[in-house]
Amino acid sequence: MPLILHLGGPRDGQVDDLPADALASSLLVYDGPRWLGVYQRVEPRRVVETPRGPAEVWAVHE
């Protein structure tokens, strides 16, 4: 599963592994009670090193 680094919003700084099919769109929507927010893939795509491994950067969509 790909690792995602969230920038901004309610999940700022969190790294999560997500199923590849969740990343098929350019928007990532969290609508549960714990995860609220919409994130967008940073263009050009960026990958940063995290303690859990390389993670693609997604920023809050405002």
N, C-alpha and C. Protein backbone atom coordinates (compact mmCIF):
# COMPACT_ATOMS: atom_id res chain seq x y z
N MET A 1 0.83 -1.18 0.00
CA MET A 1 0.00 0.00 0.00
C MET A 1 0.88 1.25 0.00
N PRO A 2 0.51 2.23 -0.80
CA PRO A 2 1.31 3.47 -0.84
C PRO A 2 1.17 4.27 0.46
N LEU A 3 2.25 4.94 0.84
CA LEU A 3 2.23 5.84 1.99
C LEU A 3 1.93 7.26 1.52
N ILE A 4 1.09 7.96 2.28
CA ILE A 4 0.69 9.32 1.98
C ILE A 4 1.05 10.20 3.16
N LEU A 5 1.69 11.35 2.89
CA LEU A 5 1.96 12.37 3.90
C LEU A 5 0.96 13.50 3.68
N HIS A 6 0.18 13.80 4.72
CA HIS A 6 -0.83 14.86 4.64
C HIS A 6 -0.24 16.19 5.07
N LEU A 7 -0.50 17.24 4.29
CA LEU A 7 -0.07 18.59 4.63
C LEU A 7 -1.29 19.47 4.82
N GLY A 8 -1.41 20.09 5.98
CA GLY A 8 -2.53 20.98 6.28
C GLY A 8 -3.76 20.19 6.71
N GLY A 9 -4.79 20.92 7.10
CA GLY A 9 -6.05 20.31 7.47
C GLY A 9 -5.99 19.47 8.72
N PRO A 10 -7.01 18.65 8.94
CA PRO A 10 -7.13 17.88 10.18
C PRO A 10 -6.10 16.75 10.33
N ARG A 11 -5.46 16.36 9.25
CA ARG A 11 -4.49 15.27 9.32
C ARG A 11 -3.06 15.74 9.07
N ASP A 12 -2.79 17.02 9.27
CA ASP A 12 -1.48 17.61 8.98
C ASP A 12 -0.36 16.81 9.62
N GLY A 13 0.61 16.43 8.80
CA GLY A 13 1.79 15.72 9.28
C GLY A 13 1.62 14.22 9.46
N GLN A 14 0.42 13.71 9.31
CA GLN A 14 0.19 12.27 9.49
C GLN A 14 0.59 11.51 8.23
N VAL A 15 1.14 10.34 8.44
CA VAL A 15 1.49 9.44 7.34
C VAL A 15 0.60 8.22 7.46
N ASP A 16 -0.08 7.90 6.37
CA ASP A 16 -0.99 6.75 6.36
C ASP A 16 -0.73 5.90 5.13
N ASP A 17 -0.96 4.59 5.27
CA ASP A 17 -0.93 3.73 4.09
C ASP A 17 -2.37 3.57 3.62
N LEU A 18 -2.56 3.72 2.33
CA LEU A 18 -3.89 3.66 1.73
C LEU A 18 -3.88 2.67 0.59
N PRO A 19 -5.02 2.04 0.35
CA PRO A 19 -5.09 1.14 -0.81
C PRO A 19 -4.89 1.93 -2.10
N ALA A 20 -4.20 1.34 -3.05
CA ALA A 20 -3.90 2.02 -4.31
C ALA A 20 -5.15 2.54 -5.00
N ASP A 21 -6.28 1.82 -4.89
CA ASP A 21 -7.50 2.28 -5.58
C ASP A 21 -8.05 3.56 -4.96
N ALA A 22 -7.69 3.88 -3.70
CA ALA A 22 -8.13 5.13 -3.07
C ALA A 22 -7.41 6.32 -3.70
N LEU A 23 -6.31 6.07 -4.39
CA LEU A 23 -5.52 7.14 -4.98
C LEU A 23 -5.73 7.27 -6.48
N ALA A 24 -6.78 6.66 -6.99
CA ALA A 24 -7.06 6.70 -8.43
C ALA A 24 -7.47 8.09 -8.88
N SER A 25 -8.04 8.87 -8.01
CA SER A 25 -8.47 10.24 -8.31
C SER A 25 -7.40 11.21 -7.82
N SER A 26 -7.49 12.46 -8.28
CA SER A 26 -6.56 13.48 -7.79
C SER A 26 -7.00 14.05 -6.45
N LEU A 27 -8.21 13.65 -5.99
CA LEU A 27 -8.71 14.09 -4.69
C LEU A 27 -8.87 12.89 -3.76
N LEU A 28 -8.55 13.09 -2.50
CA LEU A 28 -8.68 12.07 -1.48
C LEU A 28 -9.63 12.63 -0.42
N VAL A 29 -10.78 12.00 -0.24
CA VAL A 29 -11.81 12.53 0.64
C VAL A 29 -11.95 11.64 1.86
N TYR A 30 -11.84 12.25 3.04
CA TYR A 30 -12.10 11.56 4.30
C TYR A 30 -13.41 12.10 4.83
N ASP A 31 -14.38 11.23 5.08
CA ASP A 31 -15.68 11.72 5.54
C ASP A 31 -16.16 11.06 6.81
N GLY A 32 -15.29 10.33 7.48
CA GLY A 32 -15.68 9.67 8.71
C GLY A 32 -15.56 10.60 9.91
N PRO A 33 -15.98 10.14 11.06
CA PRO A 33 -15.93 10.99 12.25
C PRO A 33 -14.50 11.36 12.68
N ARG A 34 -13.55 10.50 12.39
CA ARG A 34 -12.16 10.78 12.76
C ARG A 34 -11.43 11.51 11.65
N TRP A 35 -11.77 11.21 10.41
CA TRP A 35 -11.04 11.76 9.27
C TRP A 35 -11.95 12.64 8.46
N LEU A 36 -11.85 13.93 8.66
CA LEU A 36 -12.62 14.89 7.88
C LEU A 36 -11.64 15.69 7.05
N GLY A 37 -11.94 15.89 5.80
CA GLY A 37 -11.08 16.72 4.96
C GLY A 37 -10.95 16.18 3.56
N VAL A 38 -10.50 17.06 2.69
CA VAL A 38 -10.25 16.72 1.29
C VAL A 38 -8.80 17.09 1.00
N TYR A 39 -8.06 16.16 0.46
CA TYR A 39 -6.66 16.37 0.12
C TYR A 39 -6.47 16.17 -1.37
N GLN A 40 -5.50 16.91 -1.91
CA GLN A 40 -5.21 16.85 -3.34
C GLN A 40 -3.74 16.51 -3.53
N ARG A 41 -3.46 15.69 -4.53
CA ARG A 41 -2.09 15.31 -4.84
C ARG A 41 -1.30 16.57 -5.22
N VAL A 42 -0.12 16.73 -4.65
CA VAL A 42 0.74 17.87 -4.96
C VAL A 42 1.34 17.66 -6.35
N GLU A 43 1.25 18.66 -7.20
CA GLU A 43 1.83 18.61 -8.55
C GLU A 43 2.93 19.64 -8.66
N PRO A 44 4.09 19.33 -9.18
CA PRO A 44 4.47 17.99 -9.58
C PRO A 44 4.57 17.08 -8.35
N ARG A 45 4.38 15.81 -8.60
CA ARG A 45 4.37 14.84 -7.49
C ARG A 45 5.67 14.92 -6.71
N ARG A 46 5.50 14.87 -5.39
CA ARG A 46 6.65 14.89 -4.49
C ARG A 46 6.60 13.69 -3.58
N VAL A 47 7.75 13.11 -3.34
CA VAL A 47 7.88 12.00 -2.40
C VAL A 47 8.93 12.43 -1.38
N VAL A 48 8.60 12.28 -0.10
CA VAL A 48 9.53 12.64 0.97
C VAL A 48 9.80 11.40 1.82
N GLU A 49 10.94 11.40 2.45
CA GLU A 49 11.31 10.30 3.35
C GLU A 49 10.67 10.54 4.71
N THR A 50 10.00 9.52 5.26
CA THR A 50 9.40 9.59 6.58
C THR A 50 9.93 8.41 7.40
N PRO A 51 9.70 8.40 8.71
CA PRO A 51 10.15 7.26 9.52
C PRO A 51 9.53 5.93 9.05
N ARG A 52 8.39 6.00 8.37
CA ARG A 52 7.74 4.77 7.89
C ARG A 52 8.15 4.42 6.46
N GLY A 53 8.97 5.27 5.82
CA GLY A 53 9.41 5.03 4.45
C GLY A 53 9.00 6.19 3.56
N PRO A 54 9.29 6.09 2.25
CA PRO A 54 8.95 7.17 1.33
C PRO A 54 7.43 7.34 1.22
N ALA A 55 6.98 8.61 1.28
CA ALA A 55 5.55 8.90 1.23
C ALA A 55 5.28 10.00 0.22
N GLU A 56 4.21 9.83 -0.55
CA GLU A 56 3.80 10.87 -1.50
C GLU A 56 3.07 11.97 -0.74
N VAL A 57 3.31 13.22 -1.13
CA VAL A 57 2.74 14.37 -0.44
C VAL A 57 1.38 14.72 -1.05
N TRP A 58 0.37 14.84 -0.18
CA TRP A 58 -0.97 15.32 -0.55
C TRP A 58 -1.28 16.49 0.38
N ALA A 59 -1.76 17.60 -0.20
CA ALA A 59 -2.03 18.81 0.57
C ALA A 59 -3.54 19.02 0.70
N VAL A 60 -3.93 19.70 1.79
CA VAL A 60 -5.35 19.97 2.00
C VAL A 60 -5.88 20.79 0.82
N HIS A 61 -7.07 20.44 0.38
CA HIS A 61 -7.73 21.14 -0.74
C HIS A 61 -8.72 22.12 -0.15
N GLU A 62 -8.52 23.39 -0.41
CA GLU A 62 -9.40 24.40 0.17
C GLU A 62 -10.28 25.02 -0.88
